[in-house]
Amino acid sequence: MAKKSVIVTLDDEHANSIEKVTDECRAAGLVVYESLDMLGQVMGEIDPDKESELRKISGVLSVEESQEYQLPPPNLEIQ
């Protein structure tokens, strides 16, 4: 099964302990790409059937699917 890119956002109470929450996310199956301490977010990939485990971790406010955006090239005419 293909992994799903997600952004895990921590609640305000746990933002200072992002390393601990990140370790718990890894233990739940998250392959961590980046941890944004200032934003209280952890980005990574997880099997969709394990995503619910992330929501059970103390300090996790939300788990959202990561979105990709592609801006048009700067030399493209505006339509």
PDB file of N, CA and C in Angstrom:
ATOM      1  N   MET A   1       0.847  -1.180   0.000  1.00  0.00           N
ATOM      2  CA  MET A   1       0.000   0.000   0.000  1.00  0.00           C
ATOM      3  C   MET A   1       0.894   1.246   0.000  1.00  0.00           C
ATOM      4  N   ALA A   2       0.525   2.227  -0.779  1.00  0.00           N
ATOM      5  CA  ALA A   2       1.304   3.472  -0.881  1.00  0.00           C
ATOM      6  C   ALA A   2       1.157   4.291   0.391  1.00  0.00           C
ATOM      7  N   LYS A   3       2.262   4.900   0.776  1.00  0.00           N
ATOM      8  CA  LYS A   3       2.231   5.747   1.974  1.00  0.00           C
ATOM      9  C   LYS A   3       1.601   7.088   1.651  1.00  0.00           C
ATOM     10  N   LYS A   4       1.110   7.717   2.681  1.00  0.00           N
ATOM     11  CA  LYS A   4       0.407   8.994   2.579  1.00  0.00           C
ATOM     12  C   LYS A   4       1.245  10.075   3.256  1.00  0.00           C
ATOM     13  N   SER A   5       1.435  11.203   2.575  1.00  0.00           N
ATOM     14  CA  SER A   5       2.157  12.329   3.175  1.00  0.00           C
ATOM     15  C   SER A   5       1.227  13.078   4.108  1.00  0.00           C
ATOM     16  N   VAL A   6       1.696  13.323   5.334  1.00  0.00           N
ATOM     17  CA  VAL A   6       0.867  13.996   6.335  1.00  0.00           C
ATOM     18  C   VAL A   6       1.654  15.073   7.061  1.00  0.00           C
ATOM     19  N   ILE A   7       0.896  15.993   7.650  1.00  0.00           N
ATOM     20  CA  ILE A   7       1.444  17.010   8.545  1.00  0.00           C
ATOM     21  C   ILE A   7       0.776  16.813   9.894  1.00  0.00           C
ATOM     22  N   VAL A   8       1.582  16.561  10.904  1.00  0.00           N
ATOM     23  CA  VAL A   8       1.091  16.375  12.273  1.00  0.00           C
ATOM     24  C   VAL A   8       1.316  17.695  13.007  1.00  0.00           C
ATOM     25  N   THR A   9       0.232  18.272  13.531  1.00  0.00           N
ATOM     26  CA  THR A   9       0.331  19.533  14.271  1.00  0.00           C
ATOM     27  C   THR A   9       0.126  19.252  15.754  1.00  0.00           C
ATOM     28  N   LEU A  10       1.023  19.813  16.570  1.00  0.00           N
ATOM     29  CA  LEU A  10       0.958  19.627  18.012  1.00  0.00           C
ATOM     30  C   LEU A  10       0.114  20.726  18.654  1.00  0.00           C
ATOM     31  N   ASP A  11      -0.481  20.404  19.809  1.00  0.00           N
ATOM     32  CA  ASP A  11      -1.199  21.428  20.551  1.00  0.00           C
ATOM     33  C   ASP A  11      -0.192  22.322  21.276  1.00  0.00           C
ATOM     34  N   ASP A  12      -0.669  23.454  21.766  1.00  0.00           N
ATOM     35  CA  ASP A  12       0.217  24.440  22.399  1.00  0.00           C
ATOM     36  C   ASP A  12       0.955  23.879  23.613  1.00  0.00           C
ATOM     37  N   GLU A  13       0.311  23.008  24.361  1.00  0.00           N
ATOM     38  CA  GLU A  13       0.924  22.448  25.566  1.00  0.00           C
ATOM     39  C   GLU A  13       2.136  21.575  25.264  1.00  0.00           C
ATOM     40  N   HIS A  14       2.144  20.950  24.095  1.00  0.00           N
ATOM     41  CA  HIS A  14       3.210  20.008  23.751  1.00  0.00           C
ATOM     42  C   HIS A  14       4.200  20.558  22.725  1.00  0.00           C
ATOM     43  N   ALA A  15       4.022  21.789  22.302  1.00  0.00           N
ATOM     44  CA  ALA A  15       4.907  22.369  21.289  1.00  0.00           C
ATOM     45  C   ALA A  15       6.364  22.393  21.747  1.00  0.00           C
ATOM     46  N   ASN A  16       6.596  22.550  23.040  1.00  0.00           N
ATOM     47  CA  ASN A  16       7.966  22.574  23.560  1.00  0.00           C
ATOM     48  C   ASN A  16       8.582  21.188  23.681  1.00  0.00           C
ATOM     49  N   SER A  17       7.769  20.154  23.593  1.00  0.00           N
ATOM     50  CA  SER A  17       8.276  18.779  23.678  1.00  0.00           C
ATOM     51  C   SER A  17       8.109  18.065  22.335  1.00  0.00           C
ATOM     52  N   ILE A  18       8.388  18.786  21.249  1.00  0.00           N
ATOM     53  CA  ILE A  18       8.184  18.235  19.908  1.00  0.00           C
ATOM     54  C   ILE A  18       9.052  17.002  19.657  1.00  0.00           C
ATOM     55  N   GLU A  19      10.237  16.943  20.247  1.00  0.00           N
ATOM     56  CA  GLU A  19      11.112  15.786  20.044  1.00  0.00           C
ATOM     57  C   GLU A  19      10.480  14.515  20.591  1.00  0.00           C
ATOM     58  N   LYS A  20       9.867  14.620  21.773  1.00  0.00           N
ATOM     59  CA  LYS A  20       9.213  13.464  22.383  1.00  0.00           C
ATOM     60  C   LYS A  20       8.022  13.015  21.544  1.00  0.00           C
ATOM     61  N   VAL A  21       7.211  13.962  21.106  1.00  0.00           N
ATOM     62  CA  VAL A  21       6.044  13.626  20.290  1.00  0.00           C
ATOM     63  C   VAL A  21       6.490  13.048  18.946  1.00  0.00           C
ATOM     64  N   THR A  22       7.560  13.597  18.373  1.00  0.00           N
ATOM     65  CA  THR A  22       8.090  13.077  17.114  1.00  0.00           C
ATOM     66  C   THR A  22       8.529  11.629  17.269  1.00  0.00           C
ATOM     67  N   ASP A  23       9.184  11.308  18.377  1.00  0.00           N
ATOM     68  CA  ASP A  23       9.596   9.928  18.642  1.00  0.00           C
ATOM     69  C   ASP A  23       8.382   9.000  18.737  1.00  0.00           C
ATOM     70  N   GLU A  24       7.316   9.479  19.363  1.00  0.00           N
ATOM     71  CA  GLU A  24       6.100   8.679  19.477  1.00  0.00           C
ATOM     72  C   GLU A  24       5.442   8.493  18.110  1.00  0.00           C
ATOM     73  N   CYS A  25       5.522   9.513  17.270  1.00  0.00           N
ATOM     74  CA  CYS A  25       4.990   9.401  15.904  1.00  0.00           C
ATOM     75  C   CYS A  25       5.782   8.362  15.118  1.00  0.00           C
ATOM     76  N   ARG A  26       7.092   8.368  15.266  1.00  0.00           N
ATOM     77  CA  ARG A  26       7.937   7.361  14.602  1.00  0.00           C
ATOM     78  C   ARG A  26       7.543   5.960  15.068  1.00  0.00           C
ATOM     79  N   ALA A  27       7.344   5.815  16.366  1.00  0.00           N
ATOM     80  CA  ALA A  27       6.965   4.515  16.918  1.00  0.00           C
ATOM     81  C   ALA A  27       5.615   4.052  16.369  1.00  0.00           C
ATOM     82  N   ALA A  28       4.748   5.000  16.001  1.00  0.00           N
ATOM     83  CA  ALA A  28       3.433   4.672  15.443  1.00  0.00           C
ATOM     84  C   ALA A  28       3.514   4.379  13.945  1.00  0.00           C
ATOM     85  N   GLY A  29       4.713   4.569  13.341  1.00  0.00           N
ATOM     86  CA  GLY A  29       4.877   4.232  11.934  1.00  0.00           C
ATOM     87  C   GLY A  29       5.160   5.396  11.006  1.00  0.00           C
ATOM     88  N   LEU A  30       5.264   6.616  11.549  1.00  0.00           N
ATOM     89  CA  LEU A  30       5.529   7.775  10.705  1.00  0.00           C
ATOM     90  C   LEU A  30       7.003   7.812  10.295  1.00  0.00           C
ATOM     91  N   VAL A  31       7.245   7.943   8.997  1.00  0.00           N
ATOM     92  CA  VAL A  31       8.596   8.158   8.479  1.00  0.00           C
ATOM     93  C   VAL A  31       8.749   9.679   8.416  1.00  0.00           C
ATOM     94  N   VAL A  32       9.515  10.236   9.339  1.00  0.00           N
ATOM     95  CA  VAL A  32       9.613  11.686   9.504  1.00  0.00           C
ATOM     96  C   VAL A  32      10.569  12.271   8.472  1.00  0.00           C
ATOM     97  N   TYR A  33      10.078  13.309   7.771  1.00  0.00           N
ATOM     98  CA  TYR A  33      10.913  14.052   6.822  1.00  0.00           C
ATOM     99  C   TYR A  33      11.481  15.304   7.464  1.00  0.00           C
ATOM    100  N   GLU A  34      10.636  15.970   8.241  1.00  0.00           N
ATOM    101  CA  GLU A  34      11.040  17.249   8.799  1.00  0.00           C
ATOM    102  C   GLU A  34      10.236  17.551  10.048  1.00  0.00           C
ATOM    103  N   SER A  35      10.902  18.189  10.996  1.00  0.00           N
ATOM    104  CA  SER A  35      10.260  18.628  12.224  1.00  0.00           C
ATOM    105  C   SER A  35      10.425  20.139  12.306  1.00  0.00           C
ATOM    106  N   LEU A  36       9.317  20.849  12.320  1.00  0.00           N
ATOM    107  CA  LEU A  36       9.335  22.311  12.350  1.00  0.00           C
ATOM    108  C   LEU A  36       9.028  22.781  13.764  1.00  0.00           C
ATOM    109  N   ASP A  37      10.087  22.942  14.557  1.00  0.00           N
ATOM    110  CA  ASP A  37       9.933  23.288  15.968  1.00  0.00           C
ATOM    111  C   ASP A  37       9.138  24.571  16.176  1.00  0.00           C
ATOM    112  N   MET A  38       9.447  25.599  15.405  1.00  0.00           N
ATOM    113  CA  MET A  38       8.794  26.904  15.581  1.00  0.00           C
ATOM    114  C   MET A  38       7.289  26.849  15.293  1.00  0.00           C
ATOM    115  N   LEU A  39       6.878  25.928  14.409  1.00  0.00           N
ATOM    116  CA  LEU A  39       5.464  25.807  14.060  1.00  0.00           C
ATOM    117  C   LEU A  39       4.762  24.705  14.845  1.00  0.00           C
ATOM    118  N   GLY A  40       5.539  23.855  15.500  1.00  0.00           N
ATOM    119  CA  GLY A  40       4.949  22.730  16.219  1.00  0.00           C
ATOM    120  C   GLY A  40       4.359  21.707  15.267  1.00  0.00           C
ATOM    121  N   GLN A  41       5.071  21.455  14.168  1.00  0.00           N
ATOM    122  CA  GLN A  41       4.588  20.507  13.163  1.00  0.00           C
ATOM    123  C   GLN A  41       5.664  19.489  12.805  1.00  0.00           C
ATOM    124  N   VAL A  42       5.188  18.297  12.463  1.00  0.00           N
ATOM    125  CA  VAL A  42       6.056  17.219  12.009  1.00  0.00           C
ATOM    126  C   VAL A  42       5.504  16.742  10.666  1.00  0.00           C
ATOM    127  N   MET A  43       6.386  16.633   9.666  1.00  0.00           N
ATOM    128  CA  MET A  43       5.952  16.185   8.349  1.00  0.00           C
ATOM    129  C   MET A  43       6.581  14.835   8.033  1.00  0.00           C
ATOM    130  N   GLY A  44       5.800  13.982   7.387  1.00  0.00           N
ATOM    131  CA  GLY A  44       6.318  12.678   7.022  1.00  0.00           C
ATOM    132  C   GLY A  44       5.309  11.856   6.250  1.00  0.00           C
ATOM    133  N   GLU A  45       5.602  10.562   6.140  1.00  0.00           N
ATOM    134  CA  GLU A  45       4.733   9.624   5.429  1.00  0.00           C
ATOM    135  C   GLU A  45       4.366   8.472   6.353  1.00  0.00           C
ATOM    136  N   ILE A  46       3.147   7.975   6.147  1.00  0.00           N
ATOM    137  CA  ILE A  46       2.671   6.856   6.959  1.00  0.00           C
ATOM    138  C   ILE A  46       1.724   6.014   6.124  1.00  0.00           C
ATOM    139  N   ASP A  47       1.647   4.730   6.448  1.00  0.00           N
ATOM    140  CA  ASP A  47       0.651   3.880   5.814  1.00  0.00           C
ATOM    141  C   ASP A  47      -0.731   4.380   6.228  1.00  0.00           C
ATOM    142  N   PRO A  48      -1.665   4.523   5.290  1.00  0.00           N
ATOM    143  CA  PRO A  48      -2.993   5.052   5.629  1.00  0.00           C
ATOM    144  C   PRO A  48      -3.691   4.290   6.758  1.00  0.00           C
ATOM    145  N   ASP A  49      -3.463   2.980   6.849  1.00  0.00           N
ATOM    146  CA  ASP A  49      -4.135   2.212   7.901  1.00  0.00           C
ATOM    147  C   ASP A  49      -3.542   2.460   9.296  1.00  0.00           C
ATOM    148  N   LYS A  50      -2.391   3.139   9.376  1.00  0.00           N
ATOM    149  CA  LYS A  50      -1.778   3.467  10.668  1.00  0.00           C
ATOM    150  C   LYS A  50      -1.991   4.930  11.057  1.00  0.00           C
ATOM    151  N   GLU A  51      -2.612   5.691  10.175  1.00  0.00           N
ATOM    152  CA  GLU A  51      -2.789   7.130  10.427  1.00  0.00           C
ATOM    153  C   GLU A  51      -3.570   7.407  11.704  1.00  0.00           C
ATOM    154  N   SER A  52      -4.555   6.593  11.993  1.00  0.00           N
ATOM    155  CA  SER A  52      -5.368   6.806  13.197  1.00  0.00           C
ATOM    156  C   SER A  52      -4.532   6.695  14.471  1.00  0.00           C
ATOM    157  N   GLU A  53      -3.436   5.934  14.425  1.00  0.00           N
ATOM    158  CA  GLU A  53      -2.553   5.802  15.591  1.00  0.00           C
ATOM    159  C   GLU A  53      -1.907   7.137  15.946  1.00  0.00           C
ATOM    160  N   LEU A  54      -1.639   7.964  14.933  1.00  0.00           N
ATOM    161  CA  LEU A  54      -1.040   9.279  15.195  1.00  0.00           C
ATOM    162  C   LEU A  54      -1.981  10.157  16.014  1.00  0.00           C
ATOM    163  N   ARG A  55      -3.266  10.073  15.720  1.00  0.00           N
ATOM    164  CA  ARG A  55      -4.262  10.905  16.414  1.00  0.00           C
ATOM    165  C   ARG A  55      -4.404  10.549  17.888  1.00  0.00           C
ATOM    166  N   LYS A  56      -3.979   9.346  18.254  1.00  0.00           N
ATOM    167  CA  LYS A  56      -4.083   8.883  19.642  1.00  0.00           C
ATOM    168  C   LYS A  56      -2.922   9.374  20.510  1.00  0.00           C
ATOM    169  N   ILE A  57      -1.888   9.918  19.891  1.00  0.00           N
ATOM    170  CA  ILE A  57      -0.698  10.342  20.630  1.00  0.00           C
ATOM    171  C   ILE A  57      -0.999  11.625  21.395  1.00  0.00           C
ATOM    172  N   SER A  58      -0.638  11.635  22.666  1.00  0.00           N
ATOM    173  CA  SER A  58      -0.842  12.815  23.502  1.00  0.00           C
ATOM    174  C   SER A  58      -0.065  13.993  22.931  1.00  0.00           C
ATOM    175  N   GLY A  59      -0.752  15.101  22.732  1.00  0.00           N
ATOM    176  CA  GLY A  59      -0.128  16.302  22.193  1.00  0.00           C
ATOM    177  C   GLY A  59      -0.420  16.548  20.732  1.00  0.00           C
ATOM    178  N   VAL A  60      -0.967  15.548  20.032  1.00  0.00           N
ATOM    179  CA  VAL A  60      -1.291  15.721  18.614  1.00  0.00           C
ATOM    180  C   VAL A  60      -2.642  16.415  18.495  1.00  0.00           C
ATOM    181  N   LEU A  61      -2.626  17.590  17.900  1.00  0.00           N
ATOM    182  CA  LEU A  61      -3.843  18.364  17.686  1.00  0.00           C
ATOM    183  C   LEU A  61      -4.558  17.917  16.420  1.00  0.00           C
ATOM    184  N   SER A  62      -3.781  17.711  15.331  1.00  0.00           N
ATOM    185  CA  SER A  62      -4.398  17.285  14.076  1.00  0.00           C
ATOM    186  C   SER A  62      -3.406  16.533  13.212  1.00  0.00           C
ATOM    187  N   VAL A  63      -3.956  15.729  12.307  1.00  0.00           N
ATOM    188  CA  VAL A  63      -3.183  15.014  11.295  1.00  0.00           C
ATOM    189  C   VAL A  63      -3.895  15.289   9.975  1.00  0.00           C
ATOM    190  N   GLU A  64      -3.199  15.989   9.091  1.00  0.00           N
ATOM    191  CA  GLU A  64      -3.794  16.366   7.817  1.00  0.00           C
ATOM    192  C   GLU A  64      -2.938  15.873   6.664  1.00  0.00           C
ATOM    193  N   GLU A  65      -3.595  15.530   5.568  1.00  0.00           N
ATOM    194  CA  GLU A  65      -2.861  15.120   4.384  1.00  0.00           C
ATOM    195  C   GLU A  65      -2.115  16.316   3.817  1.00  0.00           C
ATOM    196  N   SER A  66      -0.868  16.096   3.483  1.00  0.00           N
ATOM    197  CA  SER A  66      -0.032  17.146   2.909  1.00  0.00           C
ATOM    198  C   SER A  66      -0.486  17.429   1.476  1.00  0.00           C
ATOM    199  N   GLN A  67      -0.533  18.695   1.126  1.00  0.00           N
ATOM    200  CA  GLN A  67      -0.944  19.107  -0.216  1.00  0.00           C
ATOM    201  C   GLN A  67       0.259  19.652  -0.968  1.00  0.00           C
ATOM    202  N   GLU A  68       0.316  19.365  -2.240  1.00  0.00           N
ATOM    203  CA  GLU A  68       1.381  19.917  -3.073  1.00  0.00           C
ATOM    204  C   GLU A  68       0.793  20.983  -3.977  1.00  0.00           C
ATOM    205  N   TYR A  69       1.539  22.053  -4.154  1.00  0.00           N
ATOM    206  CA  TYR A  69       1.111  23.146  -5.018  1.00  0.00           C
ATOM    207  C   TYR A  69       2.204  23.401  -6.033  1.00  0.00           C
ATOM    208  N   GLN A  70       1.787  23.641  -7.266  1.00  0.00           N
ATOM    209  CA  GLN A  70       2.736  23.944  -8.318  1.00  0.00           C
ATOM    210  C   GLN A  70       2.381  25.295  -8.919  1.00  0.00           C
ATOM    211  N   LEU A  71       3.251  26.243  -8.740  1.00  0.00           N
ATOM    212  CA  LEU A  71       3.042  27.553  -9.338  1.00  0.00           C
ATOM    213  C   LEU A  71       3.454  27.499 -10.805  1.00  0.00           C
ATOM    214  N   PRO A  72       2.776  28.270 -11.651  1.00  0.00           N
ATOM    215  CA  PRO A  72       3.178  28.282 -13.049  1.00  0.00           C
ATOM    216  C   PRO A  72       4.521  28.981 -13.193  1.00  0.00           C
ATOM    217  N   PRO A  73       5.242  28.663 -14.276  1.00  0.00           N
ATOM    218  CA  PRO A  73       6.528  29.332 -14.490  1.00  0.00           C
ATOM    219  C   PRO A  73       6.348  30.846 -14.602  1.00  0.00           C
ATOM    220  N   PRO A  74       7.315  31.622 -14.154  1.00  0.00           N
ATOM    221  CA  PRO A  74       7.173  33.077 -14.151  1.00  0.00           C
ATOM    222  C   PRO A  74       7.050  33.698 -15.540  1.00  0.00           C
ATOM    223  N   ASN A  75       7.500  32.991 -16.558  1.00  0.00           N
ATOM    224  CA  ASN A  75       7.414  33.544 -17.926  1.00  0.00           C
ATOM    225  C   ASN A  75       6.129  33.145 -18.643  1.00  0.00           C
ATOM    226  N   LEU A  76       5.207  32.455 -17.974  1.00  0.00           N
ATOM    227  CA  LEU A  76       3.949  32.050 -18.591  1.00  0.00           C
ATOM    228  C   LEU A  76       2.996  33.234 -18.654  1.00  0.00           C
ATOM    229  N   GLU A  77       2.320  33.377 -19.807  1.00  0.00           N
ATOM    230  CA  GLU A  77       1.330  34.460 -19.943  1.00  0.00           C
ATOM    231  C   GLU A  77       0.167  34.227 -19.002  1.00  0.00           C
ATOM    232  N   ILE A  78      -0.356  35.317 -18.455  1.00  0.00           N
ATOM    233  CA  ILE A  78      -1.538  35.229 -17.607  1.00  0.00           C
ATOM    234  C   ILE A  78      -2.746  35.062 -18.513  1.00  0.00           C
ATOM    235  N   GLN A  79      -3.598  34.117 -18.143  1.00  0.00           N
ATOM    236  CA  GLN A  79      -4.763  33.855 -19.007  1.00  0.00           C
ATOM    237  C   GLN A  79      -5.970  34.579 -18.514  1.00  0.00           C
TER     238      GLN A  79
END
